[in-house]
């Protein structure tokens, strides 16, 4: 149960960090830097779209990294939790 909470909080934190990085990196937008990104032709707000992309990619990274974080949490939790018979 606690591991799932660790995974969710860790992934959400990394996603929000990605959003912050996206917000900082898109203060001035150079379209050449985003040549590989898909952007719809009728896009209204490019900066918000790019920030959502940063957050999306960071959430995937957070989800992948949350697996070893949860393992470490489980090992530490079992090590420091008293065993009952």
PDB file of N, CA and C in Angstrom:
ATOM      1  N   UNK A   1       0.821  -1.193   0.000  1.00  0.00           N
ATOM      2  CA  UNK A   1       0.000   0.000   0.000  1.00  0.00           C
ATOM      3  C   UNK A   1       0.872   1.266   0.000  1.00  0.00           C
ATOM      4  N   UNK A   2       1.862   1.269   0.895  1.00  0.00           N
ATOM      5  CA  UNK A   2       2.721   2.448   0.987  1.00  0.00           C
ATOM      6  C   UNK A   2       3.549   2.630  -0.275  1.00  0.00           C
ATOM      7  N   UNK A   3       3.898   1.531  -0.914  1.00  0.00           N
ATOM      8  CA  UNK A   3       4.706   1.614  -2.136  1.00  0.00           C
ATOM      9  C   UNK A   3       3.947   2.336  -3.245  1.00  0.00           C
ATOM     10  N   UNK A   4       2.659   2.062  -3.359  1.00  0.00           N
ATOM     11  CA  UNK A   4       1.865   2.741  -4.376  1.00  0.00           C
ATOM     12  C   UNK A   4       1.811   4.241  -4.123  1.00  0.00           C
ATOM     13  N   UNK A   5       1.709   4.623  -2.866  1.00  0.00           N
ATOM     14  CA  UNK A   5       1.707   6.043  -2.526  1.00  0.00           C
ATOM     15  C   UNK A   5       3.048   6.688  -2.878  1.00  0.00           C
ATOM     16  N   UNK A   6       4.132   5.983  -2.619  1.00  0.00           N
ATOM     17  CA  UNK A   6       5.468   6.482  -2.975  1.00  0.00           C
ATOM     18  C   UNK A   6       5.572   6.654  -4.485  1.00  0.00           C
ATOM     19  N   UNK A   7       5.080   5.679  -5.248  1.00  0.00           N
ATOM     20  CA  UNK A   7       5.141   5.739  -6.703  1.00  0.00           C
ATOM     21  C   UNK A   7       4.350   6.935  -7.234  1.00  0.00           C
ATOM     22  N   UNK A   8       3.139   7.114  -6.733  1.00  0.00           N
ATOM     23  CA  UNK A   8       2.286   8.216  -7.205  1.00  0.00           C
ATOM     24  C   UNK A   8       2.900   9.569  -6.866  1.00  0.00           C
ATOM     25  N   UNK A   9       3.351   9.725  -5.631  1.00  0.00           N
ATOM     26  CA  UNK A   9       3.926  11.012  -5.219  1.00  0.00           C
ATOM     27  C   UNK A   9       5.209  11.303  -5.990  1.00  0.00           C
ATOM     28  N   UNK A  10       6.058  10.294  -6.166  1.00  0.00           N
ATOM     29  CA  UNK A  10       7.312  10.492  -6.896  1.00  0.00           C
ATOM     30  C   UNK A  10       7.046  10.877  -8.348  1.00  0.00           C
ATOM     31  N   UNK A  11       6.140  10.144  -9.004  1.00  0.00           N
ATOM     32  CA  UNK A  11       5.832  10.427 -10.409  1.00  0.00           C
ATOM     33  C   UNK A  11       5.208  11.803 -10.566  1.00  0.00           C
ATOM     34  N   UNK A  12       4.288  12.158  -9.679  1.00  0.00           N
ATOM     35  CA  UNK A  12       3.665  13.480  -9.739  1.00  0.00           C
ATOM     36  C   UNK A  12       4.697  14.583  -9.521  1.00  0.00           C
ATOM     37  N   UNK A  13       5.611  14.375  -8.597  1.00  0.00           N
ATOM     38  CA  UNK A  13       6.653  15.372  -8.335  1.00  0.00           C
ATOM     39  C   UNK A  13       7.540  15.572  -9.563  1.00  0.00           C
ATOM     40  N   UNK A  14       7.952  14.478 -10.187  1.00  0.00           N
ATOM     41  CA  UNK A  14       8.799  14.580 -11.375  1.00  0.00           C
ATOM     42  C   UNK A  14       8.040  15.254 -12.516  1.00  0.00           C
ATOM     43  N   UNK A  15       6.740  14.946 -12.657  1.00  0.00           N
ATOM     44  CA  UNK A  15       5.933  15.587 -13.709  1.00  0.00           C
ATOM     45  C   UNK A  15       5.839  17.081 -13.483  1.00  0.00           C
ATOM     46  N   UNK A  16       5.658  17.502 -12.237  1.00  0.00           N
ATOM     47  CA  UNK A  16       5.581  18.937 -11.944  1.00  0.00           C
ATOM     48  C   UNK A  16       6.929  19.622 -12.145  1.00  0.00           C
ATOM     49  N   UNK A  17       8.003  18.918 -11.859  1.00  0.00           N
ATOM     50  CA  UNK A  17       9.336  19.458 -12.153  1.00  0.00           C
ATOM     51  C   UNK A  17       9.493  19.636 -13.662  1.00  0.00           C
ATOM     52  N   UNK A  18       9.015  18.661 -14.423  1.00  0.00           N
ATOM     53  CA  UNK A  18       9.051  18.773 -15.887  1.00  0.00           C
ATOM     54  C   UNK A  18       8.244  19.959 -16.382  1.00  0.00           C
ATOM     55  N   UNK A  19       7.092  20.202 -15.763  1.00  0.00           N
ATOM     56  CA  UNK A  19       6.292  21.369 -16.120  1.00  0.00           C
ATOM     57  C   UNK A  19       7.057  22.655 -15.830  1.00  0.00           C
ATOM     58  N   UNK A  20       7.730  22.701 -14.688  1.00  0.00           N
ATOM     59  CA  UNK A  20       8.531  23.884 -14.356  1.00  0.00           C
ATOM     60  C   UNK A  20       9.678  24.088 -15.329  1.00  0.00           C
ATOM     61  N   UNK A  21      10.330  23.006 -15.701  1.00  0.00           N
ATOM     62  CA  UNK A  21      11.418  23.107 -16.680  1.00  0.00           C
ATOM     63  C   UNK A  21      10.869  23.593 -18.015  1.00  0.00           C
ATOM     64  N   UNK A  22       9.724  23.053 -18.406  1.00  0.00           N
ATOM     65  CA  UNK A  22       9.096  23.502 -19.650  1.00  0.00           C
ATOM     66  C   UNK A  22       8.730  24.968 -19.612  1.00  0.00           C
ATOM     67  N   UNK A  23       8.238  25.428 -18.474  1.00  0.00           N
ATOM     68  CA  UNK A  23       7.856  26.838 -18.333  1.00  0.00           C
ATOM     69  C   UNK A  23       9.081  27.742 -18.471  1.00  0.00           C
ATOM     70  N   UNK A  24      10.195  27.332 -17.880  1.00  0.00           N
ATOM     71  CA  UNK A  24      11.424  28.133 -17.950  1.00  0.00           C
ATOM     72  C   UNK A  24      12.015  28.087 -19.363  1.00  0.00           C
ATOM     73  N   UNK A  25      12.031  26.895 -19.964  1.00  0.00           N
ATOM     74  CA  UNK A  25      12.671  26.747 -21.284  1.00  0.00           C
ATOM     75  C   UNK A  25      11.870  27.380 -22.408  1.00  0.00           C
ATOM     76  N   UNK A  26      10.579  27.641 -22.189  1.00  0.00           N
ATOM     77  CA  UNK A  26       9.764  28.212 -23.257  1.00  0.00           C
ATOM     78  C   UNK A  26       9.462  29.691 -23.039  1.00  0.00           C
ATOM     79  N   UNK A  27      10.243  30.354 -22.190  1.00  0.00           N
ATOM     80  CA  UNK A  27      10.049  31.805 -22.019  1.00  0.00           C
ATOM     81  C   UNK A  27      10.264  32.517 -23.355  1.00  0.00           C
ATOM     82  N   UNK A  28      11.283  32.116 -24.059  1.00  0.00           N
ATOM     83  CA  UNK A  28      11.484  32.573 -25.434  1.00  0.00           C
ATOM     84  C   UNK A  28      11.519  31.323 -26.294  1.00  0.00           C
ATOM     85  N   UNK A  29      10.638  31.246 -27.263  1.00  0.00           N
ATOM     86  CA  UNK A  29      10.491  30.030 -28.054  1.00  0.00           C
ATOM     87  C   UNK A  29      11.202  30.179 -29.394  1.00  0.00           C
ATOM     88  N   UNK A  30      12.158  29.300 -29.614  1.00  0.00           N
ATOM     89  CA  UNK A  30      12.821  29.192 -30.904  1.00  0.00           C
ATOM     90  C   UNK A  30      12.280  27.924 -31.565  1.00  0.00           C
ATOM     91  N   UNK A  31      11.472  28.086 -32.596  1.00  0.00           N
ATOM     92  CA  UNK A  31      10.820  26.940 -33.226  1.00  0.00           C
ATOM     93  C   UNK A  31      11.800  25.913 -33.772  1.00  0.00           C
ATOM     94  N   UNK A  32      13.001  26.332 -34.110  1.00  0.00           N
ATOM     95  CA  UNK A  32      14.000  25.393 -34.613  1.00  0.00           C
ATOM     96  C   UNK A  32      14.383  24.377 -33.537  1.00  0.00           C
ATOM     97  N   UNK A  33      14.294  24.770 -32.279  1.00  0.00           N
ATOM     98  CA  UNK A  33      14.615  23.861 -31.188  1.00  0.00           C
ATOM     99  C   UNK A  33      13.569  22.786 -30.972  1.00  0.00           C
ATOM    100  N   UNK A  34      12.402  22.968 -31.533  1.00  0.00           N
ATOM    101  CA  UNK A  34      11.306  22.006 -31.372  1.00  0.00           C
ATOM    102  C   UNK A  34      10.915  21.395 -32.712  1.00  0.00           C
ATOM    103  N   UNK A  35      11.860  21.249 -33.590  1.00  0.00           N
ATOM    104  CA  UNK A  35      11.604  20.730 -34.926  1.00  0.00           C
ATOM    105  C   UNK A  35      11.058  19.303 -34.895  1.00  0.00           C
ATOM    106  N   UNK A  36      11.501  18.480 -33.958  1.00  0.00           N
ATOM    107  CA  UNK A  36      11.061  17.094 -33.880  1.00  0.00           C
ATOM    108  C   UNK A  36       9.746  16.905 -33.154  1.00  0.00           C
ATOM    109  N   UNK A  37       9.210  17.950 -32.577  1.00  0.00           N
ATOM    110  CA  UNK A  37       7.957  17.850 -31.828  1.00  0.00           C
ATOM    111  C   UNK A  37       6.779  18.015 -32.778  1.00  0.00           C
ATOM    112  N   UNK A  38       5.739  17.243 -32.549  1.00  0.00           N
ATOM    113  CA  UNK A  38       4.506  17.402 -33.323  1.00  0.00           C
ATOM    114  C   UNK A  38       3.741  18.606 -32.779  1.00  0.00           C
ATOM    115  N   UNK A  39       3.387  19.526 -33.654  1.00  0.00           N
ATOM    116  CA  UNK A  39       2.536  20.658 -33.276  1.00  0.00           C
ATOM    117  C   UNK A  39       1.394  20.755 -34.275  1.00  0.00           C
ATOM    118  N   UNK A  40       0.164  20.732 -33.797  1.00  0.00           N
ATOM    119  CA  UNK A  40      -0.978  20.848 -34.706  1.00  0.00           C
ATOM    120  C   UNK A  40      -0.955  22.170 -35.458  1.00  0.00           C
ATOM    121  N   UNK A  41      -1.494  22.185 -36.654  1.00  0.00           N
ATOM    122  CA  UNK A  41      -1.459  23.403 -37.472  1.00  0.00           C
ATOM    123  C   UNK A  41      -2.362  24.507 -36.917  1.00  0.00           C
ATOM    124  N   UNK A  42      -3.414  24.162 -36.171  1.00  0.00           N
ATOM    125  CA  UNK A  42      -4.333  25.170 -35.636  1.00  0.00           C
ATOM    126  C   UNK A  42      -4.091  25.449 -34.152  1.00  0.00           C
ATOM    127  N   UNK A  43      -2.846  25.326 -33.720  1.00  0.00           N
ATOM    128  CA  UNK A  43      -2.484  25.501 -32.324  1.00  0.00           C
ATOM    129  C   UNK A  43      -2.661  26.955 -31.897  1.00  0.00           C
ATOM    130  N   UNK A  44      -3.350  27.166 -30.775  1.00  0.00           N
ATOM    131  CA  UNK A  44      -3.628  28.531 -30.292  1.00  0.00           C
ATOM    132  C   UNK A  44      -2.508  29.072 -29.394  1.00  0.00           C
ATOM    133  N   UNK A  45      -2.015  28.238 -28.467  1.00  0.00           N
ATOM    134  CA  UNK A  45      -0.999  28.699 -27.521  1.00  0.00           C
ATOM    135  C   UNK A  45       0.162  27.711 -27.513  1.00  0.00           C
ATOM    136  N   UNK A  46       1.206  28.046 -28.247  1.00  0.00           N
ATOM    137  CA  UNK A  46       2.350  27.148 -28.406  1.00  0.00           C
ATOM    138  C   UNK A  46       3.048  26.888 -27.083  1.00  0.00           C
ATOM    139  N   UNK A  47       3.181  27.901 -26.250  1.00  0.00           N
ATOM    140  CA  UNK A  47       3.910  27.731 -24.997  1.00  0.00           C
ATOM    141  C   UNK A  47       3.202  26.731 -24.084  1.00  0.00           C
ATOM    142  N   UNK A  48       1.901  26.825 -23.953  1.00  0.00           N
ATOM    143  CA  UNK A  48       1.173  25.873 -23.113  1.00  0.00           C
ATOM    144  C   UNK A  48       1.277  24.453 -23.663  1.00  0.00           C
ATOM    145  N   UNK A  49       1.213  24.339 -24.973  1.00  0.00           N
ATOM    146  CA  UNK A  49       1.343  23.030 -25.615  1.00  0.00           C
ATOM    147  C   UNK A  49       2.704  22.420 -25.320  1.00  0.00           C
ATOM    148  N   UNK A  50       3.759  23.215 -25.457  1.00  0.00           N
ATOM    149  CA  UNK A  50       5.107  22.716 -25.201  1.00  0.00           C
ATOM    150  C   UNK A  50       5.309  22.378 -23.729  1.00  0.00           C
ATOM    151  N   UNK A  51       4.751  23.184 -22.828  1.00  0.00           N
ATOM    152  CA  UNK A  51       4.852  22.891 -21.396  1.00  0.00           C
ATOM    153  C   UNK A  51       4.155  21.579 -21.057  1.00  0.00           C
ATOM    154  N   UNK A  52       3.003  21.338 -21.682  1.00  0.00           N
ATOM    155  CA  UNK A  52       2.307  20.066 -21.474  1.00  0.00           C
ATOM    156  C   UNK A  52       3.152  18.901 -21.994  1.00  0.00           C
ATOM    157  N   UNK A  53       3.866  19.126 -23.089  1.00  0.00           N
ATOM    158  CA  UNK A  53       4.762  18.095 -23.612  1.00  0.00           C
ATOM    159  C   UNK A  53       5.911  17.802 -22.664  1.00  0.00           C
ATOM    160  N   UNK A  54       6.495  18.837 -22.097  1.00  0.00           N
ATOM    161  CA  UNK A  54       7.556  18.643 -21.108  1.00  0.00           C
ATOM    162  C   UNK A  54       7.028  17.859 -19.908  1.00  0.00           C
ATOM    163  N   UNK A  55       5.844  18.221 -19.428  1.00  0.00           N
ATOM    164  CA  UNK A  55       5.264  17.534 -18.279  1.00  0.00           C
ATOM    165  C   UNK A  55       4.957  16.070 -18.620  1.00  0.00           C
ATOM    166  N   UNK A  56       4.440  15.830 -19.807  1.00  0.00           N
ATOM    167  CA  UNK A  56       4.121  14.472 -20.241  1.00  0.00           C
ATOM    168  C   UNK A  56       5.367  13.606 -20.286  1.00  0.00           C
ATOM    169  N   UNK A  57       6.413  14.115 -20.907  1.00  0.00           N
ATOM    170  CA  UNK A  57       7.665  13.352 -20.999  1.00  0.00           C
ATOM    171  C   UNK A  57       8.282  13.122 -19.625  1.00  0.00           C
ATOM    172  N   UNK A  58       8.211  14.127 -18.764  1.00  0.00           N
ATOM    173  CA  UNK A  58       8.759  13.981 -17.419  1.00  0.00           C
ATOM    174  C   UNK A  58       7.957  12.967 -16.605  1.00  0.00           C
ATOM    175  N   UNK A  59       6.647  12.896 -16.823  1.00  0.00           N
ATOM    176  CA  UNK A  59       5.830  11.921 -16.107  1.00  0.00           C
ATOM    177  C   UNK A  59       6.223  10.495 -16.498  1.00  0.00           C
ATOM    178  N   UNK A  60       6.517  10.280 -17.772  1.00  0.00           N
ATOM    179  CA  UNK A  60       7.010   8.957 -18.186  1.00  0.00           C
ATOM    180  C   UNK A  60       8.339   8.646 -17.497  1.00  0.00           C
ATOM    181  N   UNK A  61       9.226   9.605 -17.459  1.00  0.00           N
ATOM    182  CA  UNK A  61      10.509   9.418 -16.786  1.00  0.00           C
ATOM    183  C   UNK A  61      10.296   9.136 -15.300  1.00  0.00           C
ATOM    184  N   UNK A  62       9.402   9.892 -14.677  1.00  0.00           N
ATOM    185  CA  UNK A  62       9.103   9.664 -13.260  1.00  0.00           C
ATOM    186  C   UNK A  62       8.516   8.293 -13.011  1.00  0.00           C
ATOM    187  N   UNK A  63       7.661   7.828 -13.923  1.00  0.00           N
ATOM    188  CA  UNK A  63       7.097   6.494 -13.771  1.00  0.00           C
ATOM    189  C   UNK A  63       8.150   5.410 -13.865  1.00  0.00           C
ATOM    190  N   UNK A  64       9.091   5.582 -14.774  1.00  0.00           N
ATOM    191  CA  UNK A  64      10.172   4.600 -14.915  1.00  0.00           C
ATOM    192  C   UNK A  64      11.080   4.622 -13.688  1.00  0.00           C
ATOM    193  N   UNK A  65      11.438   5.821 -13.230  1.00  0.00           N
ATOM    194  CA  UNK A  65      12.333   5.936 -12.075  1.00  0.00           C
ATOM    195  C   UNK A  65      11.654   5.563 -10.762  1.00  0.00           C
ATOM    196  N   UNK A  66      10.320   5.578 -10.743  1.00  0.00           N
ATOM    197  CA  UNK A  66       9.618   5.251  -9.496  1.00  0.00           C
ATOM    198  C   UNK A  66       9.740   3.768  -9.148  1.00  0.00           C
ATOM    199  N   UNK A  67      10.036   2.933 -10.114  1.00  0.00           N
ATOM    200  CA  UNK A  67      10.182   1.500  -9.824  1.00  0.00           C
ATOM    201  C   UNK A  67      11.371   1.242  -8.892  1.00  0.00           C
ATOM    202  N   UNK A  68      12.588   1.707  -9.217  1.00  0.00           N
ATOM    203  CA  UNK A  68      13.676   1.488  -8.251  1.00  0.00           C
ATOM    204  C   UNK A  68      13.474   2.265  -6.950  1.00  0.00           C
ATOM    205  N   UNK A  69      12.811   3.413  -7.010  1.00  0.00           N
ATOM    206  CA  UNK A  69      12.533   4.161  -5.779  1.00  0.00           C
ATOM    207  C   UNK A  69      11.616   3.342  -4.877  1.00  0.00           C
ATOM    208  N   UNK A  70      10.603   2.707  -5.447  1.00  0.00           N
ATOM    209  CA  UNK A  70       9.698   1.865  -4.661  1.00  0.00           C
ATOM    210  C   UNK A  70      10.429   0.647  -4.106  1.00  0.00           C
ATOM    211  N   UNK A  71      11.342   0.067  -4.885  1.00  0.00           N
ATOM    212  CA  UNK A  71      12.126  -1.054  -4.372  1.00  0.00           C
ATOM    213  C   UNK A  71      12.959  -0.624  -3.169  1.00  0.00           C
ATOM    214  N   UNK A  72      13.635   0.507  -3.300  1.00  0.00           N
ATOM    215  CA  UNK A  72      14.432   1.001  -2.174  1.00  0.00           C
ATOM    216  C   UNK A  72      13.559   1.292  -0.965  1.00  0.00           C
ATOM    217  N   UNK A  73      12.391   1.857  -1.203  1.00  0.00           N
ATOM    218  CA  UNK A  73      11.458   2.107  -0.103  1.00  0.00           C
ATOM    219  C   UNK A  73      11.062   0.809   0.578  1.00  0.00           C
ATOM    220  N   UNK A  74      10.754  -0.230  -0.213  1.00  0.00           N
ATOM    221  CA  UNK A  74      10.382  -1.520   0.373  1.00  0.00           C
ATOM    222  C   UNK A  74      11.516  -2.121   1.192  1.00  0.00           C
ATOM    223  N   UNK A  75      12.731  -2.064   0.669  1.00  0.00           N
ATOM    224  CA  UNK A  75      13.870  -2.596   1.412  1.00  0.00           C
ATOM    225  C   UNK A  75      14.074  -1.837   2.720  1.00  0.00           C
ATOM    226  N   UNK A  76      14.005  -0.522   2.665  1.00  0.00           N
ATOM    227  CA  UNK A  76      14.174   0.282   3.874  1.00  0.00           C
ATOM    228  C   UNK A  76      13.024   0.047   4.853  1.00  0.00           C
ATOM    229  N   UNK A  77      11.814  -0.057   4.340  1.00  0.00           N
ATOM    230  CA  UNK A  77      10.653  -0.271   5.198  1.00  0.00           C
ATOM    231  C   UNK A  77      10.755  -1.617   5.925  1.00  0.00           C
ATOM    232  N   UNK A  78      11.174  -2.661   5.210  1.00  0.00           N
ATOM    233  CA  UNK A  78      11.321  -3.964   5.838  1.00  0.00           C
ATOM    234  C   UNK A  78      12.487  -4.003   6.799  1.00  0.00           C
ATOM    235  N   UNK A  79      13.524  -3.250   6.510  1.00  0.00           N
ATOM    236  CA  UNK A  79      14.705  -3.233   7.371  1.00  0.00           C
ATOM    237  C   UNK A  79      14.418  -2.541   8.700  1.00  0.00           C
ATOM    238  N   UNK A  80      13.640  -1.449   8.650  1.00  0.00           N
ATOM    239  CA  UNK A  80      13.407  -0.651   9.863  1.00  0.00           C
ATOM    240  C   UNK A  80      12.072  -0.911  10.548  1.00  0.00           C
ATOM    241  N   UNK A  81      11.272  -1.806  10.000  1.00  0.00           N
ATOM    242  CA  UNK A  81      10.007  -2.142  10.641  1.00  0.00           C
ATOM    243  C   UNK A  81      10.222  -3.369  11.519  1.00  0.00           C
ATOM    244  N   UNK A  82       9.798  -3.278  12.791  1.00  0.00           N
ATOM    245  CA  UNK A  82       9.974  -4.450  13.678  1.00  0.00           C
ATOM    246  C   UNK A  82       9.149  -5.638  13.168  1.00  0.00           C
ATOM    247  N   UNK A  83       9.750  -6.804  13.254  1.00  0.00           N
ATOM    248  CA  UNK A  83       9.065  -8.002  12.808  1.00  0.00           C
ATOM    249  C   UNK A  83       8.185  -8.534  13.942  1.00  0.00           C
ATOM    250  N   UNK A  84       6.946  -8.859  13.604  1.00  0.00           N
ATOM    251  CA  UNK A  84       6.045  -9.436  14.606  1.00  0.00           C
ATOM    252  C   UNK A  84       5.851 -10.910  14.299  1.00  0.00           C
ATOM    253  N   UNK A  85       5.730 -11.681  15.322  1.00  0.00           N
ATOM    254  CA  UNK A  85       5.594 -13.133  15.146  1.00  0.00           C
ATOM    255  C   UNK A  85       4.135 -13.535  15.223  1.00  0.00           C
TER     256      UNK A  85
END
